[in-house]
Amino acid sequence: MRFWLWLILLSSLTACGGDPVCGDGDVWLNTEECDDGDQQDGDGCDRNCRLEDGPTNLLGDWSTNFGTTVTITQERWDGKSIHTWLAADRIVVVRQPEDAEWNRGTYSKLVYTELAPVSVEGRTVDGFYVCEIAFGRETASEALNDEAIANAENPAERGCGDFGWTLLTRVSD
């Protein structure tokens, strides 16, 4: 009798989320680096829920058109942890730090343009535009699946909600 009670208890704990499941859209601390809701390689989060390399040409320090600096690494985008990086779609889902001033611990969806030459103060430099189209979402899946869109037709002027996109240009060595 005790064996059956123990078995029932154990199976109910597992059914309530006792074991990590890669591909369920929830990141399990200490066992998954990311979880984008599937088990496909090549989309920023591999089939084993490990971060894949994002576009290496975006890694480094970038100046913004607002006078700030953004640092992008394989794990972080401007101080926020990268949850999902869908390089082919130019989408990044990031998580705000728990000690952030706004939207603590929530997820945002960023979209960005291709890296290309841009004109800044009369000179041509490498740059790209980024737009935060969803923010303050409770889960990464909610941020990723948010249906908000950005229009990259004229990113310097408009297309990111009611605003222009943020221009990032590479910081010179």
C-alpha atoms as a PDB file:
ATOM      1  CA  MET A   1       0.000   0.000   0.000  1.00  0.00           C
ATOM      2  CA  ARG A   2       2.773   2.446   0.906  1.00  0.00           C
ATOM      3  CA  PHE A   3       4.479   1.739  -2.412  1.00  0.00           C
ATOM      4  CA  TRP A   4       1.361   2.812  -4.346  1.00  0.00           C
ATOM      5  CA  LEU A   5       0.911   5.956  -2.279  1.00  0.00           C
ATOM      6  CA  TRP A   6       4.549   6.856  -2.818  1.00  0.00           C
ATOM      7  CA  LEU A   7       4.226   6.234  -6.571  1.00  0.00           C
ATOM      8  CA  ILE A   8       1.066   8.392  -6.774  1.00  0.00           C
ATOM      9  CA  LEU A   9       2.730  11.186  -4.815  1.00  0.00           C
ATOM     10  CA  LEU A  10       5.849  11.057  -6.978  1.00  0.00           C
ATOM     11  CA  SER A  11       3.891  11.117 -10.238  1.00  0.00           C
ATOM     12  CA  SER A  12       1.740  14.039  -9.063  1.00  0.00           C
ATOM     13  CA  LEU A  13       4.857  16.059  -8.193  1.00  0.00           C
ATOM     14  CA  THR A  14       6.292  15.411 -11.641  1.00  0.00           C
ATOM     15  CA  ALA A  15       2.999  16.403 -13.275  1.00  0.00           C
ATOM     16  CA  CYS A  16       3.061  19.682 -11.357  1.00  0.00           C
ATOM     17  CA  GLY A  17       6.320  20.697 -12.960  1.00  0.00           C
ATOM     18  CA  GLY A  18       8.857  18.847 -10.870  1.00  0.00           C
ATOM     19  CA  ASP A  19      11.265  18.123 -13.731  1.00  0.00           C
ATOM     20  CA  PRO A  20      12.691  20.594 -16.256  1.00  0.00           C
ATOM     21  CA  VAL A  21      11.400  20.142 -19.790  1.00  0.00           C
ATOM     22  CA  CYS A  22      13.418  21.687 -22.593  1.00  0.00           C
ATOM     23  CA  GLY A  23      11.062  23.194 -25.152  1.00  0.00           C
ATOM     24  CA  ASP A  24       8.218  24.195 -22.815  1.00  0.00           C
ATOM     25  CA  GLY A  25       9.023  27.933 -22.971  1.00  0.00           C
ATOM     26  CA  ASP A  26      10.063  28.237 -19.320  1.00  0.00           C
ATOM     27  CA  VAL A  27      13.714  28.593 -18.314  1.00  0.00           C
ATOM     28  CA  TRP A  28      14.670  26.286 -15.456  1.00  0.00           C
ATOM     29  CA  LEU A  29      17.461  27.865 -13.445  1.00  0.00           C
ATOM     30  CA  ASN A  30      20.671  25.854 -13.239  1.00  0.00           C
ATOM     31  CA  THR A  31      19.518  23.417 -15.958  1.00  0.00           C
ATOM     32  CA  GLU A  32      18.610  25.578 -18.997  1.00  0.00           C
ATOM     33  CA  GLU A  33      20.306  28.660 -20.443  1.00  0.00           C
ATOM     34  CA  CYS A  34      17.245  29.469 -22.577  1.00  0.00           C
ATOM     35  CA  ASP A  35      13.926  27.946 -23.623  1.00  0.00           C
ATOM     36  CA  ASP A  36      12.178  29.354 -26.659  1.00  0.00           C
ATOM     37  CA  GLY A  37       9.325  26.856 -26.655  1.00  0.00           C
ATOM     38  CA  ASP A  38      10.759  24.420 -29.201  1.00  0.00           C
ATOM     39  CA  GLN A  39      13.648  21.991 -29.633  1.00  0.00           C
ATOM     40  CA  GLN A  40      15.137  23.311 -32.872  1.00  0.00           C
ATOM     41  CA  ASP A  41      18.714  24.321 -33.493  1.00  0.00           C
ATOM     42  CA  GLY A  42      19.601  27.511 -35.346  1.00  0.00           C
ATOM     43  CA  ASP A  43      17.108  29.840 -33.693  1.00  0.00           C
ATOM     44  CA  GLY A  44      19.269  31.188 -30.861  1.00  0.00           C
ATOM     45  CA  CYS A  45      18.343  28.460 -28.366  1.00  0.00           C
ATOM     46  CA  ASP A  46      19.405  24.938 -29.352  1.00  0.00           C
ATOM     47  CA  ARG A  47      17.531  21.653 -28.895  1.00  0.00           C
ATOM     48  CA  ASN A  48      19.188  21.209 -25.462  1.00  0.00           C
ATOM     49  CA  CYS A  49      18.150  24.669 -24.242  1.00  0.00           C
ATOM     50  CA  ARG A  50      21.657  26.078 -24.521  1.00  0.00           C
ATOM     51  CA  LEU A  51      22.269  29.534 -25.998  1.00  0.00           C
ATOM     52  CA  GLU A  52      23.552  29.468 -29.547  1.00  0.00           C
ATOM     53  CA  ASP A  53      25.871  32.110 -30.836  1.00  0.00           C
ATOM     54  CA  GLY A  54      24.068  35.234 -31.963  1.00  0.00           C
ATOM     55  CA  PRO A  55      25.459  37.231 -34.857  1.00  0.00           C
ATOM     56  CA  THR A  56      29.064  37.832 -33.857  1.00  0.00           C
ATOM     57  CA  ASN A  57      29.157  41.026 -35.931  1.00  0.00           C
ATOM     58  CA  LEU A  58      26.848  42.670 -33.346  1.00  0.00           C
ATOM     59  CA  LEU A  59      29.001  41.824 -30.338  1.00  0.00           C
ATOM     60  CA  GLY A  60      30.841  44.732 -28.740  1.00  0.00           C
ATOM     61  CA  ASP A  61      30.214  48.292 -27.626  1.00  0.00           C
ATOM     62  CA  TRP A  62      27.826  50.558 -29.508  1.00  0.00           C
ATOM     63  CA  SER A  63      27.006  54.258 -29.217  1.00  0.00           C
ATOM     64  CA  THR A  64      23.337  55.227 -29.445  1.00  0.00           C
ATOM     65  CA  ASN A  65      21.756  58.294 -30.955  1.00  0.00           C
ATOM     66  CA  PHE A  66      20.731  59.177 -27.368  1.00  0.00           C
ATOM     67  CA  GLY A  67      24.327  59.567 -26.179  1.00  0.00           C
ATOM     68  CA  THR A  68      24.540  56.284 -24.277  1.00  0.00           C
ATOM     69  CA  THR A  69      26.599  53.140 -24.812  1.00  0.00           C
ATOM     70  CA  VAL A  70      25.156  49.653 -25.287  1.00  0.00           C
ATOM     71  CA  THR A  71      27.291  46.535 -24.783  1.00  0.00           C
ATOM     72  CA  ILE A  72      26.234  43.338 -26.539  1.00  0.00           C
ATOM     73  CA  THR A  73      27.728  39.953 -25.630  1.00  0.00           C
ATOM     74  CA  GLN A  74      26.582  36.390 -26.271  1.00  0.00           C
ATOM     75  CA  GLU A  75      24.756  36.451 -22.920  1.00  0.00           C
ATOM     76  CA  ARG A  76      23.706  40.096 -22.405  1.00  0.00           C
ATOM     77  CA  TRP A  77      22.227  42.980 -24.377  1.00  0.00           C
ATOM     78  CA  ASP A  78      22.684  46.325 -22.602  1.00  0.00           C
ATOM     79  CA  GLY A  79      22.752  44.719 -19.146  1.00  0.00           C
ATOM     80  CA  LYS A  80      19.718  42.505 -19.793  1.00  0.00           C
ATOM     81  CA  SER A  81      20.163  38.735 -20.056  1.00  0.00           C
ATOM     82  CA  ILE A  82      19.476  37.276 -23.485  1.00  0.00           C
ATOM     83  CA  HIS A  83      16.813  34.588 -23.322  1.00  0.00           C
ATOM     84  CA  THR A  84      16.324  33.945 -27.038  1.00  0.00           C
ATOM     85  CA  TRP A  85      18.234  35.223 -30.061  1.00  0.00           C
ATOM     86  CA  LEU A  86      16.547  34.453 -33.385  1.00  0.00           C
ATOM     87  CA  ALA A  87      19.311  35.719 -35.642  1.00  0.00           C
ATOM     88  CA  ALA A  88      17.568  34.826 -38.915  1.00  0.00           C
ATOM     89  CA  ASP A  89      14.541  36.934 -37.906  1.00  0.00           C
ATOM     90  CA  ARG A  90      16.638  39.649 -36.178  1.00  0.00           C
ATOM     91  CA  ILE A  91      14.692  39.200 -32.911  1.00  0.00           C
ATOM     92  CA  VAL A  92      16.116  39.121 -29.384  1.00  0.00           C
ATOM     93  CA  VAL A  93      14.146  38.388 -26.209  1.00  0.00           C
ATOM     94  CA  VAL A  94      15.824  39.808 -23.125  1.00  0.00           C
ATOM     95  CA  ARG A  95      15.079  39.704 -19.405  1.00  0.00           C
ATOM     96  CA  GLN A  96      15.383  42.776 -17.223  1.00  0.00           C
ATOM     97  CA  PRO A  97      17.520  42.339 -14.110  1.00  0.00           C
ATOM     98  CA  GLU A  98      15.677  41.905 -10.814  1.00  0.00           C
ATOM     99  CA  ASP A  99      17.192  45.171  -9.589  1.00  0.00           C
ATOM    100  CA  ALA A 100      16.221  47.201 -12.688  1.00  0.00           C
ATOM    101  CA  GLU A 101      14.508  50.527 -12.133  1.00  0.00           C
ATOM    102  CA  TRP A 102      11.590  49.582 -14.411  1.00  0.00           C
ATOM    103  CA  ASN A 103       9.898  46.268 -15.240  1.00  0.00           C
ATOM    104  CA  ARG A 104      12.024  44.188 -12.865  1.00  0.00           C
ATOM    105  CA  GLY A 105      12.486  40.593 -13.985  1.00  0.00           C
ATOM    106  CA  THR A 106      10.212  40.974 -17.012  1.00  0.00           C
ATOM    107  CA  TYR A 107      10.880  40.174 -20.652  1.00  0.00           C
ATOM    108  CA  SER A 108      11.154  42.393 -23.704  1.00  0.00           C
ATOM    109  CA  LYS A 109      11.232  41.687 -27.419  1.00  0.00           C
ATOM    110  CA  LEU A 110      13.745  43.624 -29.498  1.00  0.00           C
ATOM    111  CA  VAL A 111      13.870  43.704 -33.280  1.00  0.00           C
ATOM    112  CA  TYR A 112      16.804  45.077 -35.210  1.00  0.00           C
ATOM    113  CA  THR A 113      17.864  45.893 -38.750  1.00  0.00           C
ATOM    114  CA  GLU A 114      20.834  44.448 -40.586  1.00  0.00           C
ATOM    115  CA  LEU A 115      24.260  45.860 -39.865  1.00  0.00           C
ATOM    116  CA  ALA A 116      24.973  48.354 -42.651  1.00  0.00           C
ATOM    117  CA  PRO A 117      26.851  51.578 -43.364  1.00  0.00           C
ATOM    118  CA  VAL A 118      25.010  54.607 -41.935  1.00  0.00           C
ATOM    119  CA  SER A 119      25.787  58.294 -42.113  1.00  0.00           C
ATOM    120  CA  VAL A 120      26.454  59.998 -38.776  1.00  0.00           C
ATOM    121  CA  GLU A 121      27.641  63.595 -38.583  1.00  0.00           C
ATOM    122  CA  GLY A 122      28.978  63.531 -42.128  1.00  0.00           C
ATOM    123  CA  ARG A 123      30.867  60.257 -41.856  1.00  0.00           C
ATOM    124  CA  THR A 124      29.931  56.696 -42.784  1.00  0.00           C
ATOM    125  CA  VAL A 125      30.130  54.077 -40.020  1.00  0.00           C
ATOM    126  CA  ASP A 126      28.801  50.563 -39.349  1.00  0.00           C
ATOM    127  CA  GLY A 127      25.477  50.679 -37.577  1.00  0.00           C
ATOM    128  CA  PHE A 128      22.040  49.194 -37.130  1.00  0.00           C
ATOM    129  CA  TYR A 129      18.697  50.196 -35.660  1.00  0.00           C
ATOM    130  CA  VAL A 130      16.914  48.479 -32.782  1.00  0.00           C
ATOM    131  CA  CYS A 131      13.311  48.774 -31.560  1.00  0.00           C
ATOM    132  CA  GLU A 132      11.821  47.397 -28.333  1.00  0.00           C
ATOM    133  CA  ILE A 133       8.389  46.352 -29.571  1.00  0.00           C
ATOM    134  CA  ALA A 134       7.188  44.486 -26.479  1.00  0.00           C
ATOM    135  CA  PHE A 135       8.200  45.084 -22.873  1.00  0.00           C
ATOM    136  CA  GLY A 136       7.087  44.266 -19.351  1.00  0.00           C
ATOM    137  CA  ARG A 137       5.928  40.754 -20.285  1.00  0.00           C
ATOM    138  CA  GLU A 138       5.831  38.128 -17.536  1.00  0.00           C
ATOM    139  CA  THR A 139       7.270  35.294 -19.628  1.00  0.00           C
ATOM    140  CA  ALA A 140       9.713  35.020 -22.502  1.00  0.00           C
ATOM    141  CA  SER A 141       7.069  33.235 -24.577  1.00  0.00           C
ATOM    142  CA  GLU A 142       4.658  36.114 -24.034  1.00  0.00           C
ATOM    143  CA  ALA A 143       7.291  38.605 -25.227  1.00  0.00           C
ATOM    144  CA  LEU A 144       8.357  36.474 -28.198  1.00  0.00           C
ATOM    145  CA  ASN A 145       4.781  35.856 -29.341  1.00  0.00           C
ATOM    146  CA  ASP A 146       3.651  39.472 -28.915  1.00  0.00           C
ATOM    147  CA  GLU A 147       2.119  40.539 -32.220  1.00  0.00           C
ATOM    148  CA  ALA A 148       3.344  44.155 -32.136  1.00  0.00           C
ATOM    149  CA  ILE A 149       5.267  45.037 -35.267  1.00  0.00           C
ATOM    150  CA  ALA A 150       7.806  47.668 -36.136  1.00  0.00           C
ATOM    151  CA  ASN A 151       8.140  49.364 -39.503  1.00  0.00           C
ATOM    152  CA  ALA A 152      11.757  49.629 -40.634  1.00  0.00           C
ATOM    153  CA  GLU A 153      10.995  51.709 -43.733  1.00  0.00           C
ATOM    154  CA  ASN A 154      12.359  54.882 -42.151  1.00  0.00           C
ATOM    155  CA  PRO A 155      13.802  53.871 -38.776  1.00  0.00           C
ATOM    156  CA  ALA A 156      15.503  57.224 -38.153  1.00  0.00           C
ATOM    157  CA  GLU A 157      12.131  58.985 -38.075  1.00  0.00           C
ATOM    158  CA  ARG A 158       9.411  56.536 -37.092  1.00  0.00           C
ATOM    159  CA  GLY A 159       8.304  52.925 -37.034  1.00  0.00           C
ATOM    160  CA  CYS A 160       8.992  51.933 -33.427  1.00  0.00           C
ATOM    161  CA  GLY A 161       5.572  52.672 -31.995  1.00  0.00           C
ATOM    162  CA  ASP A 162       5.244  56.448 -32.256  1.00  0.00           C
ATOM    163  CA  PHE A 163       9.012  56.952 -32.198  1.00  0.00           C
ATOM    164  CA  GLY A 164      12.108  56.469 -34.312  1.00  0.00           C
ATOM    165  CA  TRP A 165      14.240  53.409 -33.736  1.00  0.00           C
ATOM    166  CA  THR A 166      17.431  53.588 -31.658  1.00  0.00           C
ATOM    167  CA  LEU A 167      20.529  53.859 -33.863  1.00  0.00           C
ATOM    168  CA  LEU A 168      23.588  51.939 -32.674  1.00  0.00           C
ATOM    169  CA  THR A 169      26.995  52.690 -34.184  1.00  0.00           C
ATOM    170  CA  ARG A 170      30.161  50.801 -33.363  1.00  0.00           C
ATOM    171  CA  VAL A 171      32.374  52.418 -30.739  1.00  0.00           C
ATOM    172  CA  SER A 172      35.821  52.999 -32.239  1.00  0.00           C
ATOM    173  CA  ASP A 173      38.809  51.362 -30.578  1.00  0.00           C
END
